Amino acid sequence: MMITTPVTHPPAVSWLVFDVKASPLPRKGLSLANPLWDIPLWVLIGLPRLATAAPMPSTLSDPDYRAFVDHLIALRTRLGITQVQLATRLEKPQSYISKSERFERRIDPAEFRAMVLALGADPAKEFARVSEMLAEEQLLTSDDQDR
């Protein structure tokens, strides 16, 4: 298949015959008028590549965060509520609860509050319980380190 494409460079050539089958160019979204499509702009203008910071560690593995999720799981099971029932109350799929409890998705404070309310408990009291538990653990850890 032969395509005739207008070319602006070099000025002496106004038309170029281009064989698409033999072309090393990708066929979508490219034109001969833009031969530098795959070179990053920072290379073209001579800027050094900026060093990127190391990615932040996931807070899903943070022990303090895990304590909140573990508390939610314990509260749900103590009340005899299944993941399906909790998901129905939240108008979410069961996988939402499952992924949250398996630390595959993060629960933000608003979601923690909504889950606790859906379980019929007071979010402030449940948050305080987890905070107290974490404070006690930190005291125990600091005492162990002082010995």
N, C-alpha and C. Protein backbone atom coordinates (compact mmCIF):
# COMPACT_ATOMS: atom_id res chain seq x y z
N MET A 1 0.84 -1.17 0.00
CA MET A 1 0.00 0.00 0.00
C MET A 1 0.88 1.23 0.00
N MET A 2 0.64 2.13 -0.88
CA MET A 2 1.46 3.33 -1.00
C MET A 2 0.64 4.54 -0.55
N ILE A 3 1.26 5.39 0.27
CA ILE A 3 0.62 6.61 0.74
C ILE A 3 1.52 7.78 0.36
N THR A 4 0.91 8.80 -0.15
CA THR A 4 1.67 10.00 -0.47
C THR A 4 1.40 11.01 0.63
N THR A 5 2.48 11.50 1.25
CA THR A 5 2.36 12.39 2.39
C THR A 5 3.13 13.68 2.12
N PRO A 6 2.52 14.85 2.38
CA PRO A 6 3.27 16.09 2.21
C PRO A 6 4.34 16.19 3.29
N VAL A 7 5.51 16.66 2.93
CA VAL A 7 6.62 16.81 3.86
C VAL A 7 7.12 18.24 3.79
N THR A 8 7.36 18.83 4.93
CA THR A 8 7.84 20.21 4.94
C THR A 8 9.36 20.28 4.89
N HIS A 9 10.06 19.19 5.27
CA HIS A 9 11.53 19.19 5.24
C HIS A 9 12.00 18.02 4.43
N PRO A 10 12.96 18.06 3.65
CA PRO A 10 13.71 19.24 3.21
C PRO A 10 12.88 20.08 2.23
N PRO A 11 13.20 21.37 2.11
CA PRO A 11 12.40 22.25 1.27
C PRO A 11 12.41 21.87 -0.21
N ALA A 12 13.45 21.21 -0.65
CA ALA A 12 13.53 20.88 -2.07
C ALA A 12 12.54 19.78 -2.45
N VAL A 13 12.10 18.98 -1.48
CA VAL A 13 11.17 17.88 -1.76
C VAL A 13 9.80 18.28 -1.23
N SER A 14 8.82 18.37 -2.10
CA SER A 14 7.50 18.75 -1.64
C SER A 14 6.63 17.54 -1.35
N TRP A 15 6.91 16.38 -1.98
CA TRP A 15 6.14 15.17 -1.74
C TRP A 15 7.09 13.99 -1.57
N LEU A 16 6.73 13.11 -0.72
CA LEU A 16 7.55 11.94 -0.48
C LEU A 16 6.65 10.72 -0.58
N VAL A 17 7.08 9.73 -1.32
CA VAL A 17 6.33 8.49 -1.41
C VAL A 17 6.83 7.59 -0.29
N PHE A 18 5.89 7.07 0.48
CA PHE A 18 6.22 6.34 1.69
C PHE A 18 5.53 4.98 1.65
N ASP A 19 6.31 3.91 1.75
CA ASP A 19 5.77 2.56 1.74
C ASP A 19 5.46 2.15 3.19
N VAL A 20 4.17 2.05 3.55
CA VAL A 20 3.76 1.77 4.91
C VAL A 20 4.22 0.39 5.37
N LYS A 21 4.18 -0.60 4.50
CA LYS A 21 4.56 -1.97 4.90
C LYS A 21 6.04 -2.07 5.25
N ALA A 22 6.88 -1.32 4.56
CA ALA A 22 8.31 -1.40 4.79
C ALA A 22 8.76 -0.42 5.87
N SER A 23 7.86 0.36 6.41
CA SER A 23 8.23 1.41 7.36
C SER A 23 8.56 0.85 8.73
N PRO A 24 9.61 1.37 9.35
CA PRO A 24 9.91 1.00 10.73
C PRO A 24 9.05 1.82 11.70
N LEU A 25 8.28 2.79 11.19
CA LEU A 25 7.47 3.66 12.04
C LEU A 25 6.21 2.94 12.49
N PRO A 26 5.82 3.17 13.75
CA PRO A 26 4.52 2.66 14.16
C PRO A 26 3.43 3.31 13.33
N ARG A 27 2.32 2.63 13.14
CA ARG A 27 1.32 3.12 12.20
C ARG A 27 0.28 4.04 12.80
N LYS A 28 0.16 4.13 14.11
CA LYS A 28 -0.90 4.94 14.69
C LYS A 28 -0.35 6.25 15.25
N GLY A 29 -1.03 7.33 14.95
CA GLY A 29 -0.77 8.61 15.57
C GLY A 29 0.54 9.27 15.23
N LEU A 30 1.25 8.82 14.23
CA LEU A 30 2.52 9.43 13.88
C LEU A 30 2.44 10.01 12.48
N SER A 31 3.28 10.99 12.23
CA SER A 31 3.34 11.54 10.88
C SER A 31 4.80 11.80 10.55
N LEU A 32 5.07 11.88 9.26
CA LEU A 32 6.44 12.18 8.86
C LEU A 32 6.82 13.61 9.18
N ALA A 33 5.83 14.46 9.43
CA ALA A 33 6.12 15.84 9.79
C ALA A 33 6.68 15.94 11.21
N ASN A 34 6.55 14.89 11.99
CA ASN A 34 7.04 14.89 13.37
C ASN A 34 7.98 13.70 13.57
N PRO A 35 9.22 13.79 13.11
CA PRO A 35 10.13 12.66 13.22
C PRO A 35 10.69 12.45 14.62
N LEU A 36 10.44 13.34 15.54
CA LEU A 36 11.02 13.23 16.88
C LEU A 36 9.97 12.81 17.92
N TRP A 37 8.96 12.05 17.48
CA TRP A 37 7.85 11.72 18.36
C TRP A 37 8.22 10.90 19.57
N ASP A 38 9.27 10.11 19.47
CA ASP A 38 9.55 9.21 20.59
C ASP A 38 10.75 9.63 21.41
N ILE A 39 11.24 10.83 21.21
CA ILE A 39 12.36 11.32 22.01
C ILE A 39 11.79 12.24 23.08
N PRO A 40 12.07 11.97 24.36
CA PRO A 40 11.54 12.82 25.42
C PRO A 40 12.00 14.26 25.26
N LEU A 41 11.15 15.18 25.63
CA LEU A 41 11.44 16.60 25.47
C LEU A 41 12.68 17.00 26.24
N TRP A 42 12.89 16.45 27.42
CA TRP A 42 14.05 16.84 28.22
C TRP A 42 15.36 16.47 27.52
N VAL A 43 15.35 15.44 26.69
CA VAL A 43 16.54 15.07 25.92
C VAL A 43 16.76 16.07 24.79
N LEU A 44 15.68 16.42 24.12
CA LEU A 44 15.78 17.33 22.98
C LEU A 44 16.30 18.71 23.37
N ILE A 45 15.90 19.19 24.55
CA ILE A 45 16.34 20.53 24.93
C ILE A 45 17.56 20.49 25.85
N GLY A 46 18.10 19.32 26.09
CA GLY A 46 19.36 19.19 26.79
C GLY A 46 19.29 19.29 28.29
N LEU A 47 18.13 19.07 28.89
CA LEU A 47 18.03 19.11 30.34
C LEU A 47 18.46 17.77 30.93
N PRO A 48 19.11 17.80 32.08
CA PRO A 48 19.42 16.54 32.74
C PRO A 48 18.14 15.91 33.27
N ARG A 49 18.11 14.63 33.29
CA ARG A 49 16.93 13.93 33.81
C ARG A 49 16.90 14.12 35.31
N LEU A 50 15.76 14.52 35.82
CA LEU A 50 15.64 14.74 37.25
C LEU A 50 15.58 13.40 37.98
N ALA A 51 16.30 13.33 39.07
CA ALA A 51 16.27 12.11 39.87
C ALA A 51 14.93 12.03 40.57
N THR A 52 14.35 10.87 40.57
CA THR A 52 13.08 10.70 41.24
C THR A 52 13.33 10.15 42.64
N ALA A 53 12.52 10.58 43.56
CA ALA A 53 12.65 10.10 44.93
C ALA A 53 12.20 8.64 45.00
N ALA A 54 12.69 7.96 45.97
CA ALA A 54 12.27 6.57 46.18
C ALA A 54 10.78 6.57 46.51
N PRO A 55 10.06 5.58 46.03
CA PRO A 55 8.63 5.54 46.33
C PRO A 55 8.39 5.40 47.83
N MET A 56 7.31 6.01 48.29
CA MET A 56 6.97 5.91 49.70
C MET A 56 6.55 4.48 50.02
N PRO A 57 6.96 3.99 51.17
CA PRO A 57 6.52 2.64 51.53
C PRO A 57 5.00 2.64 51.73
N SER A 58 4.40 1.54 51.44
CA SER A 58 2.95 1.43 51.56
C SER A 58 2.55 1.48 53.02
N THR A 59 1.52 2.27 53.31
CA THR A 59 1.02 2.32 54.68
C THR A 59 0.16 1.11 55.01
N LEU A 60 -0.12 0.28 54.01
CA LEU A 60 -0.89 -0.93 54.26
C LEU A 60 -0.16 -1.88 55.20
N SER A 61 1.17 -1.79 55.22
CA SER A 61 1.95 -2.68 56.08
C SER A 61 2.33 -2.01 57.41
N ASP A 62 1.91 -0.77 57.62
CA ASP A 62 2.21 -0.05 58.86
C ASP A 62 1.46 -0.72 60.03
N PRO A 63 2.17 -1.04 61.10
CA PRO A 63 1.52 -1.73 62.23
C PRO A 63 0.36 -0.93 62.83
N ASP A 64 0.49 0.39 62.88
CA ASP A 64 -0.60 1.21 63.43
C ASP A 64 -1.84 1.12 62.56
N TYR A 65 -1.66 1.17 61.24
CA TYR A 65 -2.80 1.05 60.34
C TYR A 65 -3.44 -0.33 60.47
N ARG A 66 -2.60 -1.35 60.53
CA ARG A 66 -3.10 -2.72 60.65
C ARG A 66 -3.91 -2.91 61.94
N ALA A 67 -3.53 -2.18 62.99
CA ALA A 67 -4.28 -2.27 64.25
C ALA A 67 -5.72 -1.78 64.06
N PHE A 68 -5.90 -0.72 63.28
CA PHE A 68 -7.25 -0.22 63.02
C PHE A 68 -8.08 -1.24 62.24
N VAL A 69 -7.48 -1.83 61.23
CA VAL A 69 -8.22 -2.81 60.43
C VAL A 69 -8.50 -4.06 61.25
N ASP A 70 -7.51 -4.50 62.02
CA ASP A 70 -7.72 -5.67 62.88
C ASP A 70 -8.85 -5.40 63.88
N HIS A 71 -8.93 -4.18 64.38
CA HIS A 71 -10.00 -3.83 65.32
C HIS A 71 -11.35 -3.88 64.62
N LEU A 72 -11.41 -3.40 63.39
CA LEU A 72 -12.66 -3.48 62.62
C LEU A 72 -13.10 -4.93 62.41
N ILE A 73 -12.15 -5.77 62.08
CA ILE A 73 -12.45 -7.19 61.87
C ILE A 73 -12.97 -7.81 63.16
N ALA A 74 -12.28 -7.53 64.28
CA ALA A 74 -12.69 -8.08 65.57
C ALA A 74 -14.08 -7.58 65.96
N LEU A 75 -14.34 -6.30 65.72
CA LEU A 75 -15.65 -5.74 66.04
C LEU A 75 -16.74 -6.40 65.20
N ARG A 76 -16.48 -6.56 63.92
CA ARG A 76 -17.46 -7.19 63.01
C ARG A 76 -17.74 -8.63 63.44
N THR A 77 -16.71 -9.40 63.70
CA THR A 77 -16.91 -10.80 64.07
C THR A 77 -17.55 -10.93 65.47
N ARG A 78 -17.18 -10.04 66.40
CA ARG A 78 -17.77 -10.07 67.75
C ARG A 78 -19.27 -9.80 67.69
N LEU A 79 -19.68 -8.94 66.75
CA LEU A 79 -21.10 -8.62 66.59
C LEU A 79 -21.84 -9.65 65.74
N GLY A 80 -21.09 -10.62 65.17
CA GLY A 80 -21.71 -11.68 64.37
C GLY A 80 -22.19 -11.20 63.01
N ILE A 81 -21.52 -10.20 62.46
CA ILE A 81 -21.90 -9.65 61.16
C ILE A 81 -20.91 -10.17 60.12
N THR A 82 -21.44 -10.67 59.01
CA THR A 82 -20.58 -11.19 57.94
C THR A 82 -20.12 -10.05 57.04
N GLN A 83 -19.13 -10.36 56.22
CA GLN A 83 -18.67 -9.38 55.24
C GLN A 83 -19.78 -8.98 54.30
N VAL A 84 -20.59 -9.95 53.90
CA VAL A 84 -21.70 -9.68 52.97
C VAL A 84 -22.70 -8.73 53.62
N GLN A 85 -23.04 -8.98 54.88
CA GLN A 85 -23.99 -8.11 55.58
C GLN A 85 -23.45 -6.69 55.72
N LEU A 86 -22.18 -6.57 56.08
CA LEU A 86 -21.57 -5.24 56.22
C LEU A 86 -21.53 -4.53 54.88
N ALA A 87 -21.16 -5.26 53.83
CA ALA A 87 -21.11 -4.66 52.50
C ALA A 87 -22.49 -4.18 52.06
N THR A 88 -23.51 -4.97 52.37
CA THR A 88 -24.88 -4.58 52.03
C THR A 88 -25.27 -3.29 52.76
N ARG A 89 -24.91 -3.20 54.02
CA ARG A 89 -25.21 -1.99 54.80
C ARG A 89 -24.50 -0.76 54.23
N LEU A 90 -23.30 -0.98 53.70
CA LEU A 90 -22.52 0.13 53.13
C LEU A 90 -22.84 0.38 51.65
N GLU A 91 -23.68 -0.49 51.09
CA GLU A 91 -24.01 -0.44 49.66
C GLU A 91 -22.76 -0.57 48.80
N LYS A 92 -21.93 -1.52 49.18
CA LYS A 92 -20.69 -1.83 48.47
C LYS A 92 -20.69 -3.32 48.16
N PRO A 93 -19.84 -3.76 47.22
CA PRO A 93 -19.72 -5.20 46.99
C PRO A 93 -18.97 -5.87 48.14
N GLN A 94 -19.19 -7.15 48.31
CA GLN A 94 -18.50 -7.89 49.38
C GLN A 94 -16.99 -7.82 49.20
N SER A 95 -16.52 -7.76 47.97
CA SER A 95 -15.07 -7.70 47.72
C SER A 95 -14.43 -6.44 48.32
N TYR A 96 -15.21 -5.38 48.45
CA TYR A 96 -14.73 -4.15 49.08
C TYR A 96 -14.31 -4.42 50.52
N ILE A 97 -15.15 -5.13 51.26
CA ILE A 97 -14.83 -5.47 52.65
C ILE A 97 -13.68 -6.46 52.69
N SER A 98 -13.73 -7.46 51.84
CA SER A 98 -12.68 -8.48 51.83
C SER A 98 -11.31 -7.88 51.54
N LYS A 99 -11.24 -7.05 50.53
CA LYS A 99 -9.95 -6.43 50.17
C LYS A 99 -9.45 -5.51 51.27
N SER A 100 -10.37 -4.82 51.91
CA SER A 100 -9.98 -3.95 53.03
C SER A 100 -9.42 -4.78 54.18
N GLU A 101 -10.07 -5.88 54.49
CA GLU A 101 -9.64 -6.72 55.60
C GLU A 101 -8.38 -7.51 55.29
N ARG A 102 -8.09 -7.74 54.03
CA ARG A 102 -6.86 -8.45 53.64
C ARG A 102 -5.73 -7.48 53.31
N PHE A 103 -5.93 -6.20 53.58
CA PHE A 103 -4.93 -5.15 53.36
C PHE A 103 -4.57 -5.00 51.89
N GLU A 104 -5.54 -5.23 51.02
CA GLU A 104 -5.32 -5.02 49.59
C GLU A 104 -5.80 -3.64 49.15
N ARG A 105 -6.62 -3.01 49.98
CA ARG A 105 -7.04 -1.64 49.71
C ARG A 105 -7.05 -0.91 51.04
N ARG A 106 -6.74 0.36 50.96
CA ARG A 106 -6.63 1.19 52.17
C ARG A 106 -8.00 1.72 52.58
N ILE A 107 -8.22 1.76 53.89
CA ILE A 107 -9.42 2.35 54.45
C ILE A 107 -9.04 3.74 54.97
N ASP A 108 -9.70 4.77 54.47
CA ASP A 108 -9.40 6.11 54.98
C ASP A 108 -10.28 6.38 56.21
N PRO A 109 -10.04 7.47 56.93
CA PRO A 109 -10.82 7.73 58.15
C PRO A 109 -12.33 7.81 57.92
N ALA A 110 -12.76 8.37 56.80
CA ALA A 110 -14.19 8.44 56.51
C ALA A 110 -14.78 7.05 56.32
N GLU A 111 -14.03 6.15 55.68
CA GLU A 111 -14.50 4.78 55.49
C GLU A 111 -14.52 4.02 56.82
N PHE A 112 -13.52 4.27 57.67
CA PHE A 112 -13.49 3.66 59.00
C PHE A 112 -14.76 4.06 59.76
N ARG A 113 -15.07 5.36 59.72
CA ARG A 113 -16.26 5.88 60.39
C ARG A 113 -17.53 5.22 59.83
N ALA A 114 -17.63 5.15 58.50
CA ALA A 114 -18.82 4.56 57.87
C ALA A 114 -18.95 3.09 58.25
N MET A 115 -17.84 2.36 58.29
CA MET A 115 -17.90 0.94 58.64
C MET A 115 -18.34 0.75 60.09
N VAL A 116 -17.79 1.56 60.98
CA VAL A 116 -18.14 1.44 62.39
C VAL A 116 -19.62 1.78 62.59
N LEU A 117 -20.08 2.83 61.93
CA LEU A 117 -21.50 3.18 62.03
C LEU A 117 -22.38 2.06 61.48
N ALA A 118 -21.96 1.45 60.37
CA ALA A 118 -22.73 0.35 59.78
C ALA A 118 -22.75 -0.86 60.72
N LEU A 119 -21.74 -0.97 61.57
CA LEU A 119 -21.70 -2.06 62.54
C LEU A 119 -22.51 -1.71 63.79
N GLY A 120 -23.01 -0.49 63.87
CA GLY A 120 -23.84 -0.08 65.00
C GLY A 120 -23.05 0.37 66.20
N ALA A 121 -21.81 0.79 66.00
CA ALA A 121 -20.97 1.23 67.11
C ALA A 121 -20.66 2.73 66.96
N ASP A 122 -20.05 3.28 68.00
CA ASP A 122 -19.69 4.70 67.99
C ASP A 122 -18.27 4.86 67.43
N PRO A 123 -18.10 5.55 66.31
CA PRO A 123 -16.77 5.69 65.71
C PRO A 123 -15.74 6.33 66.63
N ALA A 124 -16.14 7.33 67.41
CA ALA A 124 -15.19 8.00 68.30
C ALA A 124 -14.67 7.05 69.37
N LYS A 125 -15.59 6.24 69.93
CA LYS A 125 -15.17 5.29 70.96
C LYS A 125 -14.26 4.20 70.38
N GLU A 126 -14.60 3.71 69.19
CA GLU A 126 -13.78 2.65 68.57
C GLU A 126 -12.40 3.20 68.19
N PHE A 127 -12.37 4.41 67.69
CA PHE A 127 -11.08 5.04 67.35
C PHE A 127 -10.25 5.21 68.62
N ALA A 128 -10.90 5.65 69.70
CA ALA A 128 -10.19 5.84 70.97
C ALA A 128 -9.65 4.52 71.50
N ARG A 129 -10.43 3.45 71.36
CA ARG A 129 -9.96 2.13 71.81
C ARG A 129 -8.69 1.70 71.08
N VAL A 130 -8.69 1.89 69.78
CA VAL A 130 -7.49 1.51 69.01
C VAL A 130 -6.32 2.41 69.40
N SER A 131 -6.58 3.69 69.57
CA SER A 131 -5.51 4.63 69.95
C SER A 131 -4.92 4.28 71.30
N GLU A 132 -5.79 3.91 72.26
CA GLU A 132 -5.32 3.51 73.59
C GLU A 132 -4.48 2.24 73.51
N MET A 133 -4.94 1.28 72.71
CA MET A 133 -4.20 0.04 72.54
C MET A 133 -2.81 0.31 71.95
N LEU A 134 -2.76 1.18 70.94
CA LEU A 134 -1.47 1.52 70.33
C LEU A 134 -0.56 2.24 71.32
N ALA A 135 -1.13 3.13 72.15
CA ALA A 135 -0.34 3.84 73.15
C ALA A 135 0.25 2.86 74.17
N GLU A 136 -0.57 1.88 74.58
CA GLU A 136 -0.08 0.87 75.52
C GLU A 136 1.05 0.05 74.91
N GLU A 137 0.88 -0.32 73.64
CA GLU A 137 1.94 -1.09 72.96
C GLU A 137 3.22 -0.29 72.87
N GLN A 138 3.11 1.00 72.61
CA GLN A 138 4.31 1.84 72.52
C GLN A 138 5.00 1.96 73.87
N LEU A 139 4.20 2.05 74.95
CA LEU A 139 4.79 2.08 76.28
C LEU A 139 5.52 0.79 76.60
N LEU A 140 4.88 -0.33 76.24
CA LEU A 140 5.52 -1.63 76.49
C LEU A 140 6.80 -1.77 75.67
N THR A 141 6.78 -1.30 74.44
CA THR A 141 7.97 -1.39 73.60
C THR A 141 9.08 -0.51 74.13
N SER A 142 8.73 0.69 74.58
CA SER A 142 9.77 1.59 75.10
C SER A 142 10.32 1.07 76.41
N ASP A 143 9.48 0.40 77.24
CA ASP A 143 9.97 -0.20 78.47
C ASP A 143 10.94 -1.33 78.18
N ASP A 144 10.62 -2.14 77.16
CA ASP A 144 11.50 -3.25 76.76
C ASP A 144 12.83 -2.73 76.27
N GLN A 145 12.82 -1.61 75.57
CA GLN A 145 14.05 -1.05 75.03
C GLN A 145 14.90 -0.42 76.12
N ASP A 146 14.27 0.07 77.19
CA ASP A 146 14.99 0.70 78.31
C ASP A 146 15.72 -0.33 79.16
N ARG A 147 15.29 -1.57 79.12
CA ARG A 147 15.91 -2.61 79.95
C ARG A 147 17.23 -3.04 79.45
